[in-house]
Every structure is written in C-alpha cells, then in structure tokens.
Amino acid sequence: MEQWLANNVPETTKADVISVDELTHKLIADAKPIGVKRSEIDEEVHSLYRTILDAIVHYDPGLPE
C-alpha cells in the first residue's frame, strides 16, 4: 500500500473528495490483477479514504533514486 501511494499520488493532487475518490478507484483497479481484494485492503487500513487523504496532504517525494 505504501509503495502504491508513493508511486501514484502526484505532487499536484488536491486534497478533495474527487481526487481521493479517483485514487481509491485506481488503487482498487490496480489491486485486482495482482489478486488483492478490496476486503484485504480494508483489513490493512482503518480507512482507505483517510489513508489516501493523508498521503495527499503529507506528500513527500523523498530523495531521487
């Protein structure tokens, strides 16, 4: 989950309902082909909405590789 967020939350994403919803749908769509179900994601985090919102608000691109 952390790696997906790091790779998929762009620096320019706004902390609004639409952006969080779009990222939520993208996460679920990306998880399906690798066999991860929505229920498994929900078990990993208390709130998917809050997790994605926090990733947007606290975006840190880190050091270049």
PDB file of N, CA and C in Angstrom:
ATOM      1  N   MET A   1       0.828  -1.180   0.000  1.00  0.00           N
ATOM      2  CA  MET A   1       0.000   0.000   0.000  1.00  0.00           C
ATOM      3  C   MET A   1       0.875   1.247   0.000  1.00  0.00           C
ATOM      4  N   GLU A   2       1.876   1.284   0.867  1.00  0.00           N
ATOM      5  CA  GLU A   2       2.737   2.469   0.943  1.00  0.00           C
ATOM      6  C   GLU A   2       3.452   2.717  -0.378  1.00  0.00           C
ATOM      7  N   GLN A   3       3.930   1.644  -1.002  1.00  0.00           N
ATOM      8  CA  GLN A   3       4.624   1.790  -2.283  1.00  0.00           C
ATOM      9  C   GLN A   3       3.662   2.270  -3.363  1.00  0.00           C
ATOM     10  N   TRP A   4       2.444   1.743  -3.367  1.00  0.00           N
ATOM     11  CA  TRP A   4       1.456   2.174  -4.352  1.00  0.00           C
ATOM     12  C   TRP A   4       1.174   3.662  -4.178  1.00  0.00           C
ATOM     13  N   LEU A   5       0.984   4.089  -2.938  1.00  0.00           N
ATOM     14  CA  LEU A   5       0.732   5.503  -2.677  1.00  0.00           C
ATOM     15  C   LEU A   5       1.904   6.358  -3.141  1.00  0.00           C
ATOM     16  N   ALA A   6       3.114   5.925  -2.842  1.00  0.00           N
ATOM     17  CA  ALA A   6       4.305   6.679  -3.246  1.00  0.00           C
ATOM     18  C   ALA A   6       4.394   6.796  -4.765  1.00  0.00           C
ATOM     19  N   ASN A   7       3.970   5.767  -5.470  1.00  0.00           N
ATOM     20  CA  ASN A   7       4.061   5.764  -6.931  1.00  0.00           C
ATOM     21  C   ASN A   7       2.882   6.428  -7.626  1.00  0.00           C
ATOM     22  N   ASN A   8       1.764   6.592  -6.929  1.00  0.00           N
ATOM     23  CA  ASN A   8       0.541   7.026  -7.602  1.00  0.00           C
ATOM     24  C   ASN A   8      -0.082   8.317  -7.101  1.00  0.00           C
ATOM     25  N   VAL A   9       0.448   8.899  -6.050  1.00  0.00           N
ATOM     26  CA  VAL A   9      -0.086  10.177  -5.573  1.00  0.00           C
ATOM     27  C   VAL A   9       0.804  11.285  -6.116  1.00  0.00           C
ATOM     28  N   PRO A  10       0.342  11.953  -7.173  1.00  0.00           N
ATOM     29  CA  PRO A  10       1.167  13.020  -7.737  1.00  0.00           C
ATOM     30  C   PRO A  10       1.255  14.229  -6.814  1.00  0.00           C
ATOM     31  N   GLU A  11       2.341  14.940  -6.942  1.00  0.00           N
ATOM     32  CA  GLU A  11       2.586  16.126  -6.119  1.00  0.00           C
ATOM     33  C   GLU A  11       1.480  17.159  -6.285  1.00  0.00           C
ATOM     34  N   THR A  12       0.864  17.204  -7.444  1.00  0.00           N
ATOM     35  CA  THR A  12      -0.143  18.223  -7.740  1.00  0.00           C
ATOM     36  C   THR A  12      -1.558  17.838  -7.329  1.00  0.00           C
ATOM     37  N   THR A  13      -1.743  16.655  -6.749  1.00  0.00           N
ATOM     38  CA  THR A  13      -3.081  16.217  -6.353  1.00  0.00           C
ATOM     39  C   THR A  13      -3.616  17.100  -5.241  1.00  0.00           C
ATOM     40  N   LYS A  14      -4.870  17.495  -5.394  1.00  0.00           N
ATOM     41  CA  LYS A  14      -5.521  18.318  -4.370  1.00  0.00           C
ATOM     42  C   LYS A  14      -6.195  17.408  -3.342  1.00  0.00           C
ATOM     43  N   ALA A  15      -6.247  17.884  -2.113  1.00  0.00           N
ATOM     44  CA  ALA A  15      -6.879  17.123  -1.029  1.00  0.00           C
ATOM     45  C   ALA A  15      -8.382  17.389  -1.043  1.00  0.00           C
ATOM     46  N   ASP A  16      -9.057  16.839  -2.056  1.00  0.00           N
ATOM     47  CA  ASP A  16     -10.505  16.996  -2.139  1.00  0.00           C
ATOM     48  C   ASP A  16     -11.160  15.636  -2.382  1.00  0.00           C
ATOM     49  N   VAL A  17     -12.459  15.602  -2.241  1.00  0.00           N
ATOM     50  CA  VAL A  17     -13.208  14.352  -2.341  1.00  0.00           C
ATOM     51  C   VAL A  17     -13.019  13.692  -3.706  1.00  0.00           C
ATOM     52  N   ILE A  18     -13.023  14.469  -4.766  1.00  0.00           N
ATOM     53  CA  ILE A  18     -12.902  13.909  -6.115  1.00  0.00           C
ATOM     54  C   ILE A  18     -11.541  13.251  -6.310  1.00  0.00           C
ATOM     55  N   SER A  19     -10.478  13.911  -5.895  1.00  0.00           N
ATOM     56  CA  SER A  19      -9.133  13.342  -6.040  1.00  0.00           C
ATOM     57  C   SER A  19      -8.991  12.053  -5.240  1.00  0.00           C
ATOM     58  N   VAL A  20      -9.492  12.057  -4.021  1.00  0.00           N
ATOM     59  CA  VAL A  20      -9.415  10.855  -3.179  1.00  0.00           C
ATOM     60  C   VAL A  20     -10.231   9.731  -3.811  1.00  0.00           C
ATOM     61  N   ASP A  21     -11.409  10.052  -4.324  1.00  0.00           N
ATOM     62  CA  ASP A  21     -12.254   9.049  -4.964  1.00  0.00           C
ATOM     63  C   ASP A  21     -11.566   8.457  -6.196  1.00  0.00           C
ATOM     64  N   GLU A  22     -10.959   9.298  -7.018  1.00  0.00           N
ATOM     65  CA  GLU A  22     -10.253   8.815  -8.210  1.00  0.00           C
ATOM     66  C   GLU A  22      -9.091   7.897  -7.832  1.00  0.00           C
ATOM     67  N   LEU A  23      -8.331   8.288  -6.822  1.00  0.00           N
ATOM     68  CA  LEU A  23      -7.210   7.453  -6.387  1.00  0.00           C
ATOM     69  C   LEU A  23      -7.694   6.144  -5.759  1.00  0.00           C
ATOM     70  N   THR A  24      -8.813   6.191  -5.057  1.00  0.00           N
ATOM     71  CA  THR A  24      -9.385   4.978  -4.475  1.00  0.00           C
ATOM     72  C   THR A  24      -9.754   3.988  -5.578  1.00  0.00           C
ATOM     73  N   HIS A  25     -10.426   4.481  -6.608  1.00  0.00           N
ATOM     74  CA  HIS A  25     -10.807   3.611  -7.724  1.00  0.00           C
ATOM     75  C   HIS A  25      -9.579   3.065  -8.442  1.00  0.00           C
ATOM     76  N   LYS A  26      -8.549   3.894  -8.606  1.00  0.00           N
ATOM     77  CA  LYS A  26      -7.317   3.446  -9.263  1.00  0.00           C
ATOM     78  C   LYS A  26      -6.634   2.365  -8.422  1.00  0.00           C
ATOM     79  N   LEU A  27      -6.579   2.566  -7.120  1.00  0.00           N
ATOM     80  CA  LEU A  27      -5.960   1.575  -6.235  1.00  0.00           C
ATOM     81  C   LEU A  27      -6.672   0.227  -6.344  1.00  0.00           C
ATOM     82  N   ILE A  28      -7.985   0.257  -6.278  1.00  0.00           N
ATOM     83  CA  ILE A  28      -8.756  -0.984  -6.349  1.00  0.00           C
ATOM     84  C   ILE A  28      -8.583  -1.646  -7.718  1.00  0.00           C
ATOM     85  N   ALA A  29      -8.590  -0.850  -8.778  1.00  0.00           N
ATOM     86  CA  ALA A  29      -8.393  -1.395 -10.130  1.00  0.00           C
ATOM     87  C   ALA A  29      -7.000  -1.995 -10.288  1.00  0.00           C
ATOM     88  N   ASP A  30      -5.988  -1.342  -9.733  1.00  0.00           N
ATOM     89  CA  ASP A  30      -4.616  -1.852  -9.817  1.00  0.00           C
ATOM     90  C   ASP A  30      -4.425  -3.109  -8.969  1.00  0.00           C
ATOM     91  N   ALA A  31      -5.196  -3.226  -7.900  1.00  0.00           N
ATOM     92  CA  ALA A  31      -5.056  -4.369  -6.996  1.00  0.00           C
ATOM     93  C   ALA A  31      -5.659  -5.648  -7.580  1.00  0.00           C
ATOM     94  N   LYS A  32      -6.743  -5.513  -8.333  1.00  0.00           N
ATOM     95  CA  LYS A  32      -7.443  -6.695  -8.867  1.00  0.00           C
ATOM     96  C   LYS A  32      -6.543  -7.624  -9.670  1.00  0.00           C
ATOM     97  N   PRO A  33      -5.790  -7.126 -10.657  1.00  0.00           N
ATOM     98  CA  PRO A  33      -4.979  -8.038 -11.482  1.00  0.00           C
ATOM     99  C   PRO A  33      -3.900  -8.798 -10.700  1.00  0.00           C
ATOM    100  N   ILE A  34      -3.516  -8.274  -9.552  1.00  0.00           N
ATOM    101  CA  ILE A  34      -2.489  -8.968  -8.763  1.00  0.00           C
ATOM    102  C   ILE A  34      -3.110  -9.795  -7.634  1.00  0.00           C
ATOM    103  N   GLY A  35      -4.446  -9.920  -7.678  1.00  0.00           N
ATOM    104  CA  GLY A  35      -5.138 -10.805  -6.752  1.00  0.00           C
ATOM    105  C   GLY A  35      -5.439 -10.235  -5.384  1.00  0.00           C
ATOM    106  N   VAL A  36      -5.384  -8.919  -5.240  1.00  0.00           N
ATOM    107  CA  VAL A  36      -5.692  -8.296  -3.950  1.00  0.00           C
ATOM    108  C   VAL A  36      -7.132  -7.797  -3.994  1.00  0.00           C
ATOM    109  N   LYS A  37      -7.942  -8.272  -3.057  1.00  0.00           N
ATOM    110  CA  LYS A  37      -9.349  -7.894  -2.999  1.00  0.00           C
ATOM    111  C   LYS A  37      -9.534  -6.642  -2.150  1.00  0.00           C
ATOM    112  N   ARG A  38     -10.649  -5.960  -2.389  1.00  0.00           N
ATOM    113  CA  ARG A  38     -10.970  -4.756  -1.620  1.00  0.00           C
ATOM    114  C   ARG A  38     -11.017  -5.076  -0.128  1.00  0.00           C
ATOM    115  N   SER A  39     -11.544  -6.218   0.231  1.00  0.00           N
ATOM    116  CA  SER A  39     -11.642  -6.591   1.646  1.00  0.00           C
ATOM    117  C   SER A  39     -10.255  -6.704   2.285  1.00  0.00           C
ATOM    118  N   GLU A  40      -9.269  -7.155   1.514  1.00  0.00           N
ATOM    119  CA  GLU A  40      -7.901  -7.249   2.033  1.00  0.00           C
ATOM    120  C   GLU A  40      -7.301  -5.861   2.253  1.00  0.00           C
ATOM    121  N   ILE A  41      -7.617  -4.946   1.354  1.00  0.00           N
ATOM    122  CA  ILE A  41      -7.143  -3.563   1.510  1.00  0.00           C
ATOM    123  C   ILE A  41      -7.767  -2.962   2.766  1.00  0.00           C
ATOM    124  N   ASP A  42      -9.071  -3.183   2.934  1.00  0.00           N
ATOM    125  CA  ASP A  42      -9.772  -2.649   4.102  1.00  0.00           C
ATOM    126  C   ASP A  42      -9.233  -3.223   5.411  1.00  0.00           C
ATOM    127  N   GLU A  43      -8.741  -4.473   5.372  1.00  0.00           N
ATOM    128  CA  GLU A  43      -8.147  -5.070   6.571  1.00  0.00           C
ATOM    129  C   GLU A  43      -6.809  -4.414   6.915  1.00  0.00           C
ATOM    130  N   GLU A  44      -6.106  -3.936   5.885  1.00  0.00           N
ATOM    131  CA  GLU A  44      -4.782  -3.347   6.102  1.00  0.00           C
ATOM    132  C   GLU A  44      -4.853  -1.933   6.679  1.00  0.00           C
ATOM    133  N   VAL A  45      -5.879  -1.194   6.302  1.00  0.00           N
ATOM    134  CA  VAL A  45      -6.001   0.190   6.772  1.00  0.00           C
ATOM    135  C   VAL A  45      -7.360   0.390   7.435  1.00  0.00           C
ATOM    136  N   HIS A  46      -7.389   1.269   8.407  1.00  0.00           N
ATOM    137  CA  HIS A  46      -8.644   1.552   9.114  1.00  0.00           C
ATOM    138  C   HIS A  46      -9.638   2.238   8.180  1.00  0.00           C
ATOM    139  N   SER A  47      -9.155   3.205   7.412  1.00  0.00           N
ATOM    140  CA  SER A  47      -9.998   3.945   6.483  1.00  0.00           C
ATOM    141  C   SER A  47      -9.203   4.209   5.213  1.00  0.00           C
ATOM    142  N   LEU A  48      -9.652   3.636   4.113  1.00  0.00           N
ATOM    143  CA  LEU A  48      -8.959   3.845   2.846  1.00  0.00           C
ATOM    144  C   LEU A  48      -9.008   5.315   2.451  1.00  0.00           C
ATOM    145  N   TYR A  49     -10.160   5.942   2.646  1.00  0.00           N
ATOM    146  CA  TYR A  49     -10.305   7.366   2.343  1.00  0.00           C
ATOM    147  C   TYR A  49      -9.283   8.185   3.129  1.00  0.00           C
ATOM    148  N   ARG A  50      -9.204   7.957   4.428  1.00  0.00           N
ATOM    149  CA  ARG A  50      -8.286   8.709   5.296  1.00  0.00           C
ATOM    150  C   ARG A  50      -6.831   8.436   4.918  1.00  0.00           C
ATOM    151  N   THR A  51      -6.517   7.203   4.586  1.00  0.00           N
ATOM    152  CA  THR A  51      -5.151   6.835   4.215  1.00  0.00           C
ATOM    153  C   THR A  51      -4.711   7.576   2.959  1.00  0.00           C
ATOM    154  N   ILE A  52      -5.583   7.608   1.956  1.00  0.00           N
ATOM    155  CA  ILE A  52      -5.242   8.307   0.712  1.00  0.00           C
ATOM    156  C   ILE A  52      -5.204   9.810   0.943  1.00  0.00           C
ATOM    157  N   LEU A  53      -6.147  10.335   1.696  1.00  0.00           N
ATOM    158  CA  LEU A  53      -6.145  11.768   2.001  1.00  0.00           C
ATOM    159  C   LEU A  53      -4.866  12.159   2.733  1.00  0.00           C
ATOM    160  N   ASP A  54      -4.457  11.374   3.709  1.00  0.00           N
ATOM    161  CA  ASP A  54      -3.210  11.651   4.433  1.00  0.00           C
ATOM    162  C   ASP A  54      -2.006  11.619   3.499  1.00  0.00           C
ATOM    163  N   ALA A  55      -2.006  10.693   2.541  1.00  0.00           N
ATOM    164  CA  ALA A  55      -0.896  10.612   1.584  1.00  0.00           C
ATOM    165  C   ALA A  55      -0.829  11.871   0.724  1.00  0.00           C
ATOM    166  N   ILE A  56      -1.986  12.421   0.375  1.00  0.00           N
ATOM    167  CA  ILE A  56      -2.018  13.657  -0.415  1.00  0.00           C
ATOM    168  C   ILE A  56      -1.534  14.827   0.429  1.00  0.00           C
ATOM    169  N   VAL A  57      -2.083  14.957   1.622  1.00  0.00           N
ATOM    170  CA  VAL A  57      -1.760  16.092   2.493  1.00  0.00           C
ATOM    171  C   VAL A  57      -0.296  16.078   2.909  1.00  0.00           C
ATOM    172  N   HIS A  58       0.242  14.901   3.161  1.00  0.00           N
ATOM    173  CA  HIS A  58       1.621  14.779   3.643  1.00  0.00           C
ATOM    174  C   HIS A  58       2.565  14.301   2.550  1.00  0.00           C
ATOM    175  N   TYR A  59       2.254  14.635   1.305  1.00  0.00           N
ATOM    176  CA  TYR A  59       3.071  14.198   0.165  1.00  0.00           C
ATOM    177  C   TYR A  59       4.523  14.601   0.364  1.00  0.00           C
ATOM    178  N   ASP A  60       5.401  13.633   0.199  1.00  0.00           N
ATOM    179  CA  ASP A  60       6.845  13.876   0.288  1.00  0.00           C
ATOM    180  C   ASP A  60       7.513  13.009  -0.765  1.00  0.00           C
ATOM    181  N   PRO A  61       8.004  13.621  -1.842  1.00  0.00           N
ATOM    182  CA  PRO A  61       8.582  12.814  -2.914  1.00  0.00           C
ATOM    183  C   PRO A  61       9.853  12.082  -2.520  1.00  0.00           C
ATOM    184  N   GLY A  62      10.439  12.433  -1.404  1.00  0.00           N
ATOM    185  CA  GLY A  62      11.664  11.756  -0.969  1.00  0.00           C
ATOM    186  C   GLY A  62      12.855  12.137  -1.827  1.00  0.00           C
ATOM    187  N   LEU A  63      13.909  11.379  -1.681  1.00  0.00           N
ATOM    188  CA  LEU A  63      15.123  11.645  -2.433  1.00  0.00           C
ATOM    189  C   LEU A  63      15.071  10.935  -3.775  1.00  0.00           C
ATOM    190  N   PRO A  64      15.617  11.545  -4.803  1.00  0.00           N
ATOM    191  CA  PRO A  64      15.647  10.863  -6.096  1.00  0.00           C
ATOM    192  C   PRO A  64      16.516   9.617  -6.024  1.00  0.00           C
ATOM    193  N   GLU A  65      16.102   8.583  -6.753  1.00  0.00           N
ATOM    194  CA  GLU A  65      16.854   7.320  -6.728  1.00  0.00           C
ATOM    195  C   GLU A  65      17.964   7.326  -7.740  1.00  0.00           C
TER     196      GLU A  65
END
